[in-house]
PDB file of N, CA and C in Angstrom:
ATOM      1  N   VAL A   1       5.586  -8.636 -17.503  1.00  0.00           N
ATOM      2  CA  VAL A   1       5.271  -8.940 -16.110  1.00  0.00           C
ATOM      3  C   VAL A   1       6.107  -8.033 -15.214  1.00  0.00           C
ATOM      4  N   GLN A   2       5.438  -7.344 -14.320  1.00  0.00           N
ATOM      5  CA  GLN A   2       6.160  -6.388 -13.494  1.00  0.00           C
ATOM      6  C   GLN A   2       6.620  -6.971 -12.173  1.00  0.00           C
ATOM      7  N   LEU A   3       5.906  -7.994 -11.702  1.00  0.00           N
ATOM      8  CA  LEU A   3       6.265  -8.667 -10.470  1.00  0.00           C
ATOM      9  C   LEU A   3       6.204 -10.168 -10.706  1.00  0.00           C
ATOM     10  N   GLN A   4       7.256 -10.854 -10.385  1.00  0.00           N
ATOM     11  CA  GLN A   4       7.309 -12.301 -10.600  1.00  0.00           C
ATOM     12  C   GLN A   4       7.757 -12.964  -9.312  1.00  0.00           C
ATOM     13  N   ALA A   5       6.833 -13.657  -8.657  1.00  0.00           N
ATOM     14  CA  ALA A   5       7.152 -14.359  -7.414  1.00  0.00           C
ATOM     15  C   ALA A   5       7.457 -15.813  -7.703  1.00  0.00           C
ATOM     16  N   CYS A   6       8.380 -16.360  -6.929  1.00  0.00           N
ATOM     17  CA  CYS A   6       8.694 -17.774  -7.071  1.00  0.00           C
ATOM     18  C   CYS A   6       9.245 -18.298  -5.745  1.00  0.00           C
ATOM     19  N   GLY A   7       9.418 -19.585  -5.664  1.00  0.00           N
ATOM     20  CA  GLY A   7       9.990 -20.194  -4.471  1.00  0.00           C
ATOM     21  C   GLY A   7       9.023 -21.001  -3.655  1.00  0.00           C
ATOM     22  N   GLY A   8       7.750 -20.987  -4.029  1.00  0.00           N
ATOM     23  CA  GLY A   8       6.779 -21.788  -3.303  1.00  0.00           C
ATOM     24  C   GLY A   8       6.994 -23.269  -3.558  1.00  0.00           C
ATOM     25  N   GLY A   9       6.275 -24.072  -2.803  1.00  0.00           N
ATOM     26  CA  GLY A   9       6.392 -25.510  -2.968  1.00  0.00           C
ATOM     27  C   GLY A   9       5.798 -26.236  -1.795  1.00  0.00           C
ATOM     28  N   LEU A  10       6.107 -27.519  -1.748  1.00  0.00           N
ATOM     29  CA  LEU A  10       5.617 -28.381  -0.675  1.00  0.00           C
ATOM     30  C   LEU A  10       6.726 -28.571   0.348  1.00  0.00           C
ATOM     31  N   VAL A  11       6.393 -28.374   1.601  1.00  0.00           N
ATOM     32  CA  VAL A  11       7.369 -28.519   2.669  1.00  0.00           C
ATOM     33  C   VAL A  11       6.686 -29.150   3.873  1.00  0.00           C
ATOM     34  N   GLN A  12       7.443 -29.881   4.644  1.00  0.00           N
ATOM     35  CA  GLN A  12       6.886 -30.466   5.862  1.00  0.00           C
ATOM     36  C   GLN A  12       6.781 -29.411   6.952  1.00  0.00           C
ATOM     37  N   ALA A  13       5.850 -29.604   7.839  1.00  0.00           N
ATOM     38  CA  ALA A  13       5.721 -28.715   8.990  1.00  0.00           C
ATOM     39  C   ALA A  13       7.059 -28.657   9.728  1.00  0.00           C
ATOM     40  N   GLY A  14       7.452 -27.441  10.089  1.00  0.00           N
ATOM     41  CA  GLY A  14       8.742 -27.241  10.716  1.00  0.00           C
ATOM     42  C   GLY A  14       9.846 -26.904   9.745  1.00  0.00           C
ATOM     43  N   GLY A  15       9.573 -27.070   8.472  1.00  0.00           N
ATOM     44  CA  GLY A  15      10.566 -26.793   7.455  1.00  0.00           C
ATOM     45  C   GLY A  15      10.608 -25.328   7.080  1.00  0.00           C
ATOM     46  N   CYS A  16      11.359 -25.017   6.023  1.00  0.00           N
ATOM     47  CA  CYS A  16      11.516 -23.634   5.615  1.00  0.00           C
ATOM     48  C   CYS A  16      11.475 -23.505   4.097  1.00  0.00           C
ATOM     49  N   LEU A  17      11.141 -22.326   3.679  1.00  0.00           N
ATOM     50  CA  LEU A  17      11.130 -21.950   2.266  1.00  0.00           C
ATOM     51  C   LEU A  17      11.548 -20.492   2.168  1.00  0.00           C
ATOM     52  N   ARG A  18      12.110 -20.146   1.027  1.00  0.00           N
ATOM     53  CA  ARG A  18      12.379 -18.739   0.774  1.00  0.00           C
ATOM     54  C   ARG A  18      11.686 -18.343  -0.519  1.00  0.00           C
ATOM     55  N   LEU A  19      10.811 -17.379  -0.404  1.00  0.00           N
ATOM     56  CA  LEU A  19      10.149 -16.827  -1.572  1.00  0.00           C
ATOM     57  C   LEU A  19      10.941 -15.626  -2.057  1.00  0.00           C
ATOM     58  N   SER A  20      10.931 -15.443  -3.341  1.00  0.00           N
ATOM     59  CA  SER A  20      11.545 -14.258  -3.899  1.00  0.00           C
ATOM     60  C   SER A  20      10.595 -13.642  -4.914  1.00  0.00           C
ATOM     61  N   CYS A  21      10.753 -12.374  -5.121  1.00  0.00           N
ATOM     62  CA  CYS A  21       9.887 -11.649  -6.045  1.00  0.00           C
ATOM     63  C   CYS A  21      10.724 -10.617  -6.761  1.00  0.00           C
ATOM     64  N   ALA A  22      10.891 -10.822  -8.039  1.00  0.00           N
ATOM     65  CA  ALA A  22      11.639  -9.877  -8.856  1.00  0.00           C
ATOM     66  C   ALA A  22      10.679  -8.864  -9.458  1.00  0.00           C
ATOM     67  N   ALA A  23      11.067  -7.612  -9.406  1.00  0.00           N
ATOM     68  CA  ALA A  23      10.204  -6.547  -9.896  1.00  0.00           C
ATOM     69  C   ALA A  23      10.937  -5.713 -10.932  1.00  0.00           C
ATOM     70  N   SER A  24      10.180  -5.028 -11.709  1.00  0.00           N
ATOM     71  CA  SER A  24      10.792  -4.077 -12.618  1.00  0.00           C
ATOM     72  C   SER A  24      11.344  -2.921 -11.797  1.00  0.00           C
ATOM     73  N   LYS A  25      12.402  -2.338 -12.305  1.00  0.00           N
ATOM     74  CA  LYS A  25      13.039  -1.260 -11.561  1.00  0.00           C
ATOM     75  C   LYS A  25      12.071  -0.107 -11.340  1.00  0.00           C
ATOM     76  N   ARG A  26      11.207   0.111 -12.297  1.00  0.00           N
ATOM     77  CA  ARG A  26      10.282   1.236 -12.229  1.00  0.00           C
ATOM     78  C   ARG A  26       9.374   1.150 -11.007  1.00  0.00           C
ATOM     79  N   ILE A  27       8.891  -0.052 -10.690  1.00  0.00           N
ATOM     80  CA  ILE A  27       7.960  -0.153  -9.567  1.00  0.00           C
ATOM     81  C   ILE A  27       8.657  -0.543  -8.268  1.00  0.00           C
ATOM     82  N   PHE A  28       9.910  -0.957  -8.370  1.00  0.00           N
ATOM     83  CA  PHE A  28      10.620  -1.384  -7.162  1.00  0.00           C
ATOM     84  C   PHE A  28      11.346  -0.232  -6.484  1.00  0.00           C
ATOM     85  N   SER A  29      11.982   0.569  -7.307  1.00  0.00           N
ATOM     86  CA  SER A  29      12.819   1.633  -6.753  1.00  0.00           C
ATOM     87  C   SER A  29      11.999   2.613  -5.922  1.00  0.00           C
ATOM     88  N   ASN A  30      12.485   2.884  -4.740  1.00  0.00           N
ATOM     89  CA  ASN A  30      11.921   3.893  -3.842  1.00  0.00           C
ATOM     90  C   ASN A  30      10.539   3.536  -3.297  1.00  0.00           C
ATOM     91  N   ASN A  31      10.132   2.288  -3.494  1.00  0.00           N
ATOM     92  CA  ASN A  31       8.805   1.880  -3.025  1.00  0.00           C
ATOM     93  C   ASN A  31       8.880   0.757  -2.007  1.00  0.00           C
ATOM     94  N   ALA A  32       7.972   0.794  -1.074  1.00  0.00           N
ATOM     95  CA  ALA A  32       7.845  -0.311  -0.137  1.00  0.00           C
ATOM     96  C   ALA A  32       7.317  -1.543  -0.867  1.00  0.00           C
ATOM     97  N   MET A  33       7.656  -2.685  -0.318  1.00  0.00           N
ATOM     98  CA  MET A  33       7.194  -3.956  -0.875  1.00  0.00           C
ATOM     99  C   MET A  33       6.500  -4.748   0.218  1.00  0.00           C
ATOM    100  N   GLY A  34       5.554  -5.565  -0.199  1.00  0.00           N
ATOM    101  CA  GLY A  34       4.815  -6.346   0.783  1.00  0.00           C
ATOM    102  C   GLY A  34       4.583  -7.770   0.318  1.00  0.00           C
ATOM    103  N   TRP A  35       4.306  -8.611   1.284  1.00  0.00           N
ATOM    104  CA  TRP A  35       3.895  -9.992   1.027  1.00  0.00           C
ATOM    105  C   TRP A  35       2.513 -10.205   1.660  1.00  0.00           C
ATOM    106  N   PHE A  36       1.651 -10.832   0.908  1.00  0.00           N
ATOM    107  CA  PHE A  36       0.319 -11.179   1.380  1.00  0.00           C
ATOM    108  C   PHE A  36       0.091 -12.657   1.081  1.00  0.00           C
ATOM    109  N   ARG A  37      -0.933 -13.216   1.698  1.00  0.00           N
ATOM    110  CA  ARG A  37      -1.265 -14.606   1.402  1.00  0.00           C
ATOM    111  C   ARG A  37      -2.773 -14.771   1.424  1.00  0.00           C
ATOM    112  N   GLN A  38      -3.209 -15.805   0.726  1.00  0.00           N
ATOM    113  CA  GLN A  38      -4.650 -16.035   0.615  1.00  0.00           C
ATOM    114  C   GLN A  38      -4.925 -17.516   0.520  1.00  0.00           C
ATOM    115  N   THR A  39      -5.951 -17.937   1.241  1.00  0.00           N
ATOM    116  CA  THR A  39      -6.459 -19.305   1.141  1.00  0.00           C
ATOM    117  C   THR A  39      -7.866 -19.242   0.584  1.00  0.00           C
ATOM    118  N   PRO A  40      -8.344 -20.323   0.003  1.00  0.00           N
ATOM    119  CA  PRO A  40      -9.670 -20.314  -0.620  1.00  0.00           C
ATOM    120  C   PRO A  40     -10.763 -19.859   0.341  1.00  0.00           C
ATOM    121  N   GLY A  41     -11.561 -18.942  -0.118  1.00  0.00           N
ATOM    122  CA  GLY A  41     -12.684 -18.476   0.667  1.00  0.00           C
ATOM    123  C   GLY A  41     -12.357 -17.428   1.707  1.00  0.00           C
ATOM    124  N   LYS A  42     -11.101 -17.030   1.765  1.00  0.00           N
ATOM    125  CA  LYS A  42     -10.707 -16.031   2.763  1.00  0.00           C
ATOM    126  C   LYS A  42     -10.146 -14.788   2.098  1.00  0.00           C
ATOM    127  N   GLU A  43     -10.151 -13.717   2.858  1.00  0.00           N
ATOM    128  CA  GLU A  43      -9.571 -12.470   2.388  1.00  0.00           C
ATOM    129  C   GLU A  43      -8.053 -12.608   2.268  1.00  0.00           C
ATOM    130  N   ARG A  44      -7.504 -11.827   1.357  1.00  0.00           N
ATOM    131  CA  ARG A  44      -6.054 -11.799   1.257  1.00  0.00           C
ATOM    132  C   ARG A  44      -5.496 -11.127   2.512  1.00  0.00           C
ATOM    133  N   GLU A  45      -4.530 -11.797   3.115  1.00  0.00           N
ATOM    134  CA  GLU A  45      -4.029 -11.378   4.419  1.00  0.00           C
ATOM    135  C   GLU A  45      -2.609 -10.814   4.307  1.00  0.00           C
ATOM    136  N   PHE A  46      -2.369  -9.741   5.003  1.00  0.00           N
ATOM    137  CA  PHE A  46      -1.029  -9.171   5.075  1.00  0.00           C
ATOM    138  C   PHE A  46      -0.099 -10.110   5.820  1.00  0.00           C
ATOM    139  N   VAL A  47       1.113 -10.256   5.323  1.00  0.00           N
ATOM    140  CA  VAL A  47       2.110 -11.084   5.993  1.00  0.00           C
ATOM    141  C   VAL A  47       3.294 -10.241   6.467  1.00  0.00           C
ATOM    142  N   ALA A  48       3.866  -9.470   5.558  1.00  0.00           N
ATOM    143  CA  ALA A  48       5.059  -8.703   5.910  1.00  0.00           C
ATOM    144  C   ALA A  48       5.252  -7.567   4.916  1.00  0.00           C
ATOM    145  N   SER A  49       5.964  -6.548   5.359  1.00  0.00           N
ATOM    146  CA  SER A  49       6.314  -5.459   4.460  1.00  0.00           C
ATOM    147  C   SER A  49       7.696  -4.928   4.808  1.00  0.00           C
ATOM    148  N   ILE A  50       8.268  -4.243   3.835  1.00  0.00           N
ATOM    149  CA  ILE A  50       9.589  -3.665   4.015  1.00  0.00           C
ATOM    150  C   ILE A  50       9.620  -2.327   3.299  1.00  0.00           C
ATOM    151  N   SER A  51      10.178  -1.344   3.962  1.00  0.00           N
ATOM    152  CA  SER A  51      10.245  -0.013   3.380  1.00  0.00           C
ATOM    153  C   SER A  51      11.235   0.023   2.222  1.00  0.00           C
ATOM    154  N   TYR A  52      11.236   1.121   1.517  1.00  0.00           N
ATOM    155  CA  TYR A  52      12.064   1.250   0.314  1.00  0.00           C
ATOM    156  C   TYR A  52      13.543   1.012   0.580  1.00  0.00           C
ATOM    157  N   ASN A  53      13.990   1.350   1.792  1.00  0.00           N
ATOM    158  CA  ASN A  53      15.411   1.230   2.121  1.00  0.00           C
ATOM    159  C   ASN A  53      15.706   0.046   3.036  1.00  0.00           C
ATOM    160  N   GLY A  54      14.684  -0.716   3.349  1.00  0.00           N
ATOM    161  CA  GLY A  54      14.882  -1.889   4.204  1.00  0.00           C
ATOM    162  C   GLY A  54      14.954  -1.590   5.680  1.00  0.00           C
ATOM    163  N   ALA A  55      14.788  -0.337   6.044  1.00  0.00           N
ATOM    164  CA  ALA A  55      14.963   0.035   7.450  1.00  0.00           C
ATOM    165  C   ALA A  55      13.727  -0.239   8.292  1.00  0.00           C
ATOM    166  N   SER A  56      12.578  -0.285   7.677  1.00  0.00           N
ATOM    167  CA  SER A  56      11.333  -0.478   8.414  1.00  0.00           C
ATOM    168  C   SER A  56      10.669  -1.774   7.963  1.00  0.00           C
ATOM    169  N   LEU A  57      10.472  -2.671   8.918  1.00  0.00           N
ATOM    170  CA  LEU A  57       9.861  -3.966   8.642  1.00  0.00           C
ATOM    171  C   LEU A  57       8.575  -4.098   9.448  1.00  0.00           C
ATOM    172  N   SER A  58       7.641  -4.816   8.898  1.00  0.00           N
ATOM    173  CA  SER A  58       6.385  -5.037   9.600  1.00  0.00           C
ATOM    174  C   SER A  58       5.910  -6.460   9.323  1.00  0.00           C
ATOM    175  N   TYR A  59       5.326  -7.104  10.347  1.00  0.00           N
ATOM    176  CA  TYR A  59       4.859  -8.481  10.210  1.00  0.00           C
ATOM    177  C   TYR A  59       3.493  -8.644  10.877  1.00  0.00           C
ATOM    178  N   VAL A  60       2.714  -9.550  10.345  1.00  0.00           N
ATOM    179  CA  VAL A  60       1.517  -9.974  11.051  1.00  0.00           C
ATOM    180  C   VAL A  60       1.972 -10.780  12.263  1.00  0.00           C
ATOM    181  N   ASP A  61       1.225 -10.704  13.336  1.00  0.00           N
ATOM    182  CA  ASP A  61       1.653 -11.335  14.591  1.00  0.00           C
ATOM    183  C   ASP A  61       1.937 -12.831  14.441  1.00  0.00           C
ATOM    184  N   SER A  62       1.166 -13.485  13.611  1.00  0.00           N
ATOM    185  CA  SER A  62       1.274 -14.944  13.514  1.00  0.00           C
ATOM    186  C   SER A  62       2.586 -15.424  12.908  1.00  0.00           C
ATOM    187  N   VAL A  63       3.339 -14.534  12.277  1.00  0.00           N
ATOM    188  CA  VAL A  63       4.600 -14.968  11.649  1.00  0.00           C
ATOM    189  C   VAL A  63       5.824 -14.350  12.310  1.00  0.00           C
ATOM    190  N   LYS A  64       5.598 -13.486  13.269  1.00  0.00           N
ATOM    191  CA  LYS A  64       6.732 -12.833  13.930  1.00  0.00           C
ATOM    192  C   LYS A  64       7.647 -13.868  14.576  1.00  0.00           C
ATOM    193  N   GLY A  65       8.929 -13.693  14.352  1.00  0.00           N
ATOM    194  CA  GLY A  65       9.903 -14.625  14.885  1.00  0.00           C
ATOM    195  C   GLY A  65      10.157 -15.823  13.996  1.00  0.00           C
ATOM    196  N   ARG A  66       9.342 -16.013  12.983  1.00  0.00           N
ATOM    197  CA  ARG A  66       9.507 -17.154  12.069  1.00  0.00           C
ATOM    198  C   ARG A  66       9.812 -16.710  10.639  1.00  0.00           C
ATOM    199  N   PHE A  67       9.241 -15.618  10.219  1.00  0.00           N
ATOM    200  CA  PHE A  67       9.429 -15.108   8.866  1.00  0.00           C
ATOM    201  C   PHE A  67      10.315 -13.879   8.895  1.00  0.00           C
ATOM    202  N   ALA A  68      11.040 -13.676   7.810  1.00  0.00           N
ATOM    203  CA  ALA A  68      11.872 -12.485   7.691  1.00  0.00           C
ATOM    204  C   ALA A  68      11.783 -11.950   6.263  1.00  0.00           C
ATOM    205  N   VAL A  69      11.456 -10.692   6.147  1.00  0.00           N
ATOM    206  CA  VAL A  69      11.382 -10.038   4.842  1.00  0.00           C
ATOM    207  C   VAL A  69      12.668  -9.231   4.631  1.00  0.00           C
ATOM    208  N   SER A  70      13.146  -9.250   3.410  1.00  0.00           N
ATOM    209  CA  SER A  70      14.358  -8.499   3.074  1.00  0.00           C
ATOM    210  C   SER A  70      14.285  -8.088   1.612  1.00  0.00           C
ATOM    211  N   ARG A  71      15.174  -7.225   1.208  1.00  0.00           N
ATOM    212  CA  ARG A  71      15.198  -6.784  -0.184  1.00  0.00           C
ATOM    213  C   ARG A  71      16.617  -6.520  -0.619  1.00  0.00           C
ATOM    214  N   ASP A  72      16.824  -6.711  -1.906  1.00  0.00           N
ATOM    215  CA  ASP A  72      18.100  -6.396  -2.531  1.00  0.00           C
ATOM    216  C   ASP A  72      17.812  -5.355  -3.596  1.00  0.00           C
ATOM    217  N   ASN A  73      18.098  -4.128  -3.303  1.00  0.00           N
ATOM    218  CA  ASN A  73      17.760  -3.056  -4.220  1.00  0.00           C
ATOM    219  C   ASN A  73      18.589  -3.088  -5.503  1.00  0.00           C
ATOM    220  N   ALA A  74      19.733  -3.703  -5.446  1.00  0.00           N
ATOM    221  CA  ALA A  74      20.546  -3.822  -6.657  1.00  0.00           C
ATOM    222  C   ALA A  74      19.936  -4.817  -7.637  1.00  0.00           C
ATOM    223  N   LYS A  75      19.181  -5.768  -7.099  1.00  0.00           N
ATOM    224  CA  LYS A  75      18.562  -6.795  -7.946  1.00  0.00           C
ATOM    225  C   LYS A  75      17.066  -6.580  -8.123  1.00  0.00           C
ATOM    226  N   ASN A  76      16.519  -5.524  -7.529  1.00  0.00           N
ATOM    227  CA  ASN A  76      15.077  -5.255  -7.603  1.00  0.00           C
ATOM    228  C   ASN A  76      14.267  -6.469  -7.149  1.00  0.00           C
ATOM    229  N   THR A  77      14.701  -7.059  -6.070  1.00  0.00           N
ATOM    230  CA  THR A  77      14.083  -8.296  -5.602  1.00  0.00           C
ATOM    231  C   THR A  77      13.796  -8.210  -4.099  1.00  0.00           C
ATOM    232  N   VAL A  78      12.638  -8.725  -3.734  1.00  0.00           N
ATOM    233  CA  VAL A  78      12.259  -8.817  -2.330  1.00  0.00           C
ATOM    234  C   VAL A  78      12.125 -10.294  -1.976  1.00  0.00           C
ATOM    235  N   TYR A  79      12.464 -10.609  -0.749  1.00  0.00           N
ATOM    236  CA  TYR A  79      12.472 -12.000  -0.295  1.00  0.00           C
ATOM    237  C   TYR A  79      11.587 -12.171   0.928  1.00  0.00           C
ATOM    238  N   LEU A  80      11.119 -13.381   1.115  1.00  0.00           N
ATOM    239  CA  LEU A  80      10.426 -13.745   2.340  1.00  0.00           C
ATOM    240  C   LEU A  80      10.984 -15.093   2.781  1.00  0.00           C
ATOM    241  N   GLN A  81      11.792 -15.061   3.817  1.00  0.00           N
ATOM    242  CA  GLN A  81      12.316 -16.285   4.399  1.00  0.00           C
ATOM    243  C   GLN A  81      11.301 -16.796   5.414  1.00  0.00           C
ATOM    244  N   MET A  82      10.853 -18.017   5.205  1.00  0.00           N
ATOM    245  CA  MET A  82       9.822 -18.589   6.072  1.00  0.00           C
ATOM    246  C   MET A  82      10.397 -19.808   6.780  1.00  0.00           C
ATOM    247  N   ASN A  83      10.516 -19.714   8.078  1.00  0.00           N
ATOM    248  CA  ASN A  83      11.043 -20.807   8.890  1.00  0.00           C
ATOM    249  C   ASN A  83       9.959 -21.369   9.797  1.00  0.00           C
ATOM    250  N   SER A  84      10.211 -22.545  10.308  1.00  0.00           N
ATOM    251  CA  SER A  84       9.270 -23.188  11.243  1.00  0.00           C
ATOM    252  C   SER A  84       7.848 -23.145  10.707  1.00  0.00           C
ATOM    253  N   LEU A  85       7.703 -23.555   9.486  1.00  0.00           N
ATOM    254  CA  LEU A  85       6.392 -23.458   8.836  1.00  0.00           C
ATOM    255  C   LEU A  85       5.359 -24.336   9.523  1.00  0.00           C
ATOM    256  N   LYS A  86       4.155 -23.818   9.559  1.00  0.00           N
ATOM    257  CA  LYS A  86       3.033 -24.516  10.165  1.00  0.00           C
ATOM    258  C   LYS A  86       1.979 -24.778   9.094  1.00  0.00           C
ATOM    259  N   ALA A  87       1.079 -25.688   9.400  1.00  0.00           N
ATOM    260  CA  ALA A  87       0.016 -26.004   8.452  1.00  0.00           C
ATOM    261  C   ALA A  87      -0.791 -24.757   8.101  1.00  0.00           C
ATOM    262  N   GLU A  88      -0.973 -23.890   9.062  1.00  0.00           N
ATOM    263  CA  GLU A  88      -1.773 -22.685   8.828  1.00  0.00           C
ATOM    264  C   GLU A  88      -1.074 -21.646   7.974  1.00  0.00           C
ATOM    265  N   ASP A  89       0.196 -21.861   7.658  1.00  0.00           N
ATOM    266  CA  ASP A  89       0.905 -20.956   6.749  1.00  0.00           C
ATOM    267  C   ASP A  89       0.639 -21.302   5.287  1.00  0.00           C
ATOM    268  N   ALA A  90       0.042 -22.442   5.042  1.00  0.00           N
ATOM    269  CA  ALA A  90      -0.230 -22.845   3.669  1.00  0.00           C
ATOM    270  C   ALA A  90      -1.190 -21.865   2.999  1.00  0.00           C
ATOM    271  N   ALA A  91      -0.809 -21.386   1.836  1.00  0.00           N
ATOM    272  CA  ALA A  91      -1.609 -20.382   1.130  1.00  0.00           C
ATOM    273  C   ALA A  91      -0.924 -20.075  -0.191  1.00  0.00           C
ATOM    274  N   VAL A  92      -1.595 -19.280  -0.982  1.00  0.00           N
ATOM    275  CA  VAL A  92      -0.942 -18.662  -2.132  1.00  0.00           C
ATOM    276  C   VAL A  92      -0.358 -17.346  -1.641  1.00  0.00           C
ATOM    277  N   TYR A  93       0.929 -17.172  -1.857  1.00  0.00           N
ATOM    278  CA  TYR A  93       1.625 -15.975  -1.404  1.00  0.00           C
ATOM    279  C   TYR A  93       1.814 -15.015  -2.570  1.00  0.00           C
ATOM    280  N   TYR A  94       1.504 -13.763  -2.310  1.00  0.00           N
ATOM    281  CA  TYR A  94       1.602 -12.708  -3.326  1.00  0.00           C
ATOM    282  C   TYR A  94       2.591 -11.644  -2.860  1.00  0.00           C
ATOM    283  N   CYS A  95       3.407 -11.188  -3.780  1.00  0.00           N
ATOM    284  CA  CYS A  95       4.190 -10.010  -3.480  1.00  0.00           C
ATOM    285  C   CYS A  95       3.490  -8.806  -4.106  1.00  0.00           C
ATOM    286  N   ALA A  96       3.746  -7.662  -3.523  1.00  0.00           N
ATOM    287  CA  ALA A  96       3.092  -6.450  -3.979  1.00  0.00           C
ATOM    288  C   ALA A  96       4.031  -5.271  -3.813  1.00  0.00           C
ATOM    289  N   ALA A  97       3.867  -4.308  -4.689  1.00  0.00           N
ATOM    290  CA  ALA A  97       4.666  -3.095  -4.642  1.00  0.00           C
ATOM    291  C   ALA A  97       3.772  -1.906  -4.364  1.00  0.00           C
ATOM    292  N   SER A  98       4.219  -1.101  -3.445  1.00  0.00           N
ATOM    293  CA  SER A  98       3.477   0.105  -3.101  1.00  0.00           C
ATOM    294  C   SER A  98       3.920   1.262  -3.983  1.00  0.00           C
ATOM    295  N   ARG A  99       3.153   2.336  -3.955  1.00  0.00           N
ATOM    296  CA  ARG A  99       3.597   3.571  -4.576  1.00  0.00           C
ATOM    297  C   ARG A  99       4.220   4.495  -3.540  1.00  0.00           C
ATOM    298  N   ARG A 100       4.340   3.995  -2.342  1.00  0.00           N
ATOM    299  CA  ARG A 100       4.895   4.784  -1.253  1.00  0.00           C
ATOM    300  C   ARG A 100       6.205   4.191  -0.781  1.00  0.00           C
ATOM    301  N   SER A 101       6.998   4.980  -0.130  1.00  0.00           N
ATOM    302  CA  SER A 101       8.273   4.501   0.410  1.00  0.00           C
ATOM    303  C   SER A 101       8.081   3.629   1.639  1.00  0.00           C
ATOM    304  N   TYR A 102       6.984   3.884   2.339  1.00  0.00           N
ATOM    305  CA  TYR A 102       6.657   3.109   3.536  1.00  0.00           C
ATOM    306  C   TYR A 102       5.222   2.596   3.389  1.00  0.00           C
ATOM    307  N   ALA A 103       5.012   1.357   3.686  1.00  0.00           N
ATOM    308  CA  ALA A 103       3.676   0.773   3.633  1.00  0.00           C
ATOM    309  C   ALA A 103       3.643  -0.422   4.561  1.00  0.00           C
ATOM    310  N   GLN A 104       2.447  -0.727   5.035  1.00  0.00           N
ATOM    311  CA  GLN A 104       2.326  -1.873   5.924  1.00  0.00           C
ATOM    312  C   GLN A 104       1.180  -2.751   5.485  1.00  0.00           C
ATOM    313  N   ALA A 105       0.162  -2.880   6.324  1.00  0.00           N
ATOM    314  CA  ALA A 105      -0.831  -3.925   6.106  1.00  0.00           C
ATOM    315  C   ALA A 105      -1.970  -3.556   5.171  1.00  0.00           C
ATOM    316  N   ASP A 106      -2.161  -2.299   4.904  1.00  0.00           N
ATOM    317  CA  ASP A 106      -3.319  -1.881   4.118  1.00  0.00           C
ATOM    318  C   ASP A 106      -3.127  -2.220   2.645  1.00  0.00           C
ATOM    319  N   ARG A 107      -3.948  -3.087   2.130  1.00  0.00           N
ATOM    320  CA  ARG A 107      -3.807  -3.493   0.721  1.00  0.00           C
ATOM    321  C   ARG A 107      -3.970  -2.316  -0.236  1.00  0.00           C
ATOM    322  N   ARG A 108      -4.678  -1.303   0.195  1.00  0.00           N
ATOM    323  CA  ARG A 108      -4.894  -0.147  -0.677  1.00  0.00           C
ATOM    324  C   ARG A 108      -3.612   0.625  -0.935  1.00  0.00           C
ATOM    325  N   ASP A 109      -2.609   0.382  -0.120  1.00  0.00           N
ATOM    326  CA  ASP A 109      -1.315   1.046  -0.322  1.00  0.00           C
ATOM    327  C   ASP A 109      -0.510   0.410  -1.454  1.00  0.00           C
ATOM    328  N   TYR A 110      -0.954  -0.740  -1.920  1.00  0.00           N
ATOM    329  CA  TYR A 110      -0.176  -1.478  -2.911  1.00  0.00           C
ATOM    330  C   TYR A 110      -0.833  -1.386  -4.278  1.00  0.00           C
ATOM    331  N   ALA A 111      -0.057  -0.974  -5.241  1.00  0.00           N
ATOM    332  CA  ALA A 111      -0.593  -0.725  -6.576  1.00  0.00           C
ATOM    333  C   ALA A 111      -0.319  -1.861  -7.556  1.00  0.00           C
ATOM    334  N   TYR A 112       0.679  -2.668  -7.272  1.00  0.00           N
ATOM    335  CA  TYR A 112       1.099  -3.708  -8.214  1.00  0.00           C
ATOM    336  C   TYR A 112       1.173  -5.045  -7.482  1.00  0.00           C
ATOM    337  N   TRP A 113       0.695  -6.079  -8.146  1.00  0.00           N
ATOM    338  CA  TRP A 113       0.631  -7.399  -7.531  1.00  0.00           C
ATOM    339  C   TRP A 113       1.235  -8.439  -8.453  1.00  0.00           C
ATOM    340  N   GLY A 114       1.946  -9.385  -7.847  1.00  0.00           N
ATOM    341  CA  GLY A 114       2.453 -10.519  -8.595  1.00  0.00           C
ATOM    342  C   GLY A 114       1.369 -11.573  -8.746  1.00  0.00           C
ATOM    343  N   GLN A 115       1.726 -12.656  -9.413  1.00  0.00           N
ATOM    344  CA  GLN A 115       0.736 -13.672  -9.753  1.00  0.00           C
ATOM    345  C   GLN A 115       0.515 -14.691  -8.645  1.00  0.00           C
ATOM    346  N   GLY A 116       1.326 -14.717  -7.642  1.00  0.00           N
ATOM    347  CA  GLY A 116       1.147 -15.648  -6.532  1.00  0.00           C
ATOM    348  C   GLY A 116       1.951 -16.920  -6.711  1.00  0.00           C
ATOM    349  N   THR A 117       2.394 -17.448  -5.598  1.00  0.00           N
ATOM    350  CA  THR A 117       3.113 -18.715  -5.597  1.00  0.00           C
ATOM    351  C   THR A 117       2.567 -19.559  -4.439  1.00  0.00           C
ATOM    352  N   GLN A 118       2.323 -20.821  -4.729  1.00  0.00           N
ATOM    353  CA  GLN A 118       1.655 -21.701  -3.773  1.00  0.00           C
ATOM    354  C   GLN A 118       2.647 -22.247  -2.748  1.00  0.00           C
ATOM    355  N   VAL A 119       2.270 -22.147  -1.500  1.00  0.00           N
ATOM    356  CA  VAL A 119       3.024 -22.781  -0.414  1.00  0.00           C
ATOM    357  C   VAL A 119       2.125 -23.815   0.235  1.00  0.00           C
ATOM    358  N   THR A 120       2.581 -25.051   0.267  1.00  0.00           N
ATOM    359  CA  THR A 120       1.829 -26.139   0.862  1.00  0.00           C
ATOM    360  C   THR A 120       2.660 -26.723   2.003  1.00  0.00           C
ATOM    361  N   VAL A 121       2.036 -26.887   3.148  1.00  0.00           N
ATOM    362  CA  VAL A 121       2.739 -27.406   4.318  1.00  0.00           C
ATOM    363  C   VAL A 121       2.073 -28.704   4.746  1.00  0.00           C
ATOM    364  N   SER A 122       2.825 -29.761   4.751  1.00  0.00           N
ATOM    365  CA  SER A 122       2.277 -31.063   5.148  1.00  0.00           C
ATOM    366  C   SER A 122       2.600 -31.339   6.611  1.00  0.00           C
ATOM    367  N   SER A 123       1.647 -31.942   7.284  1.00  0.00           N
ATOM    368  CA  SER A 123       1.849 -32.231   8.715  1.00  0.00           C
ATOM    369  C   SER A 123       2.326 -33.656   8.925  1.00  0.00           C
TER     370      SER A 123
END
């Protein structure tokens, strides 16, 4: 397994969760990482991305100010801190690795995908 996401679960609206995604060094090093989410019947949606060095961050408008993406290059791990969760944030969250140093919302930029972790938000 090249990408392993974890940290999902059930949380009340207004609560927080931190997702993490461990990657193999081969696909993590020097590559941008992204988080996407998907609900049944909908397209997979971009949530956040981080450049290879952590200097460039990008978010979908709906999570700005609530979510924070970060990475630990020593651990080959990317994180998504999710605060002030809303019912509409409930989805399966996927981490993805790009083949580029910088990547944002375009799914075509991402070559490797994790298996997804479920986030459920109760109101």
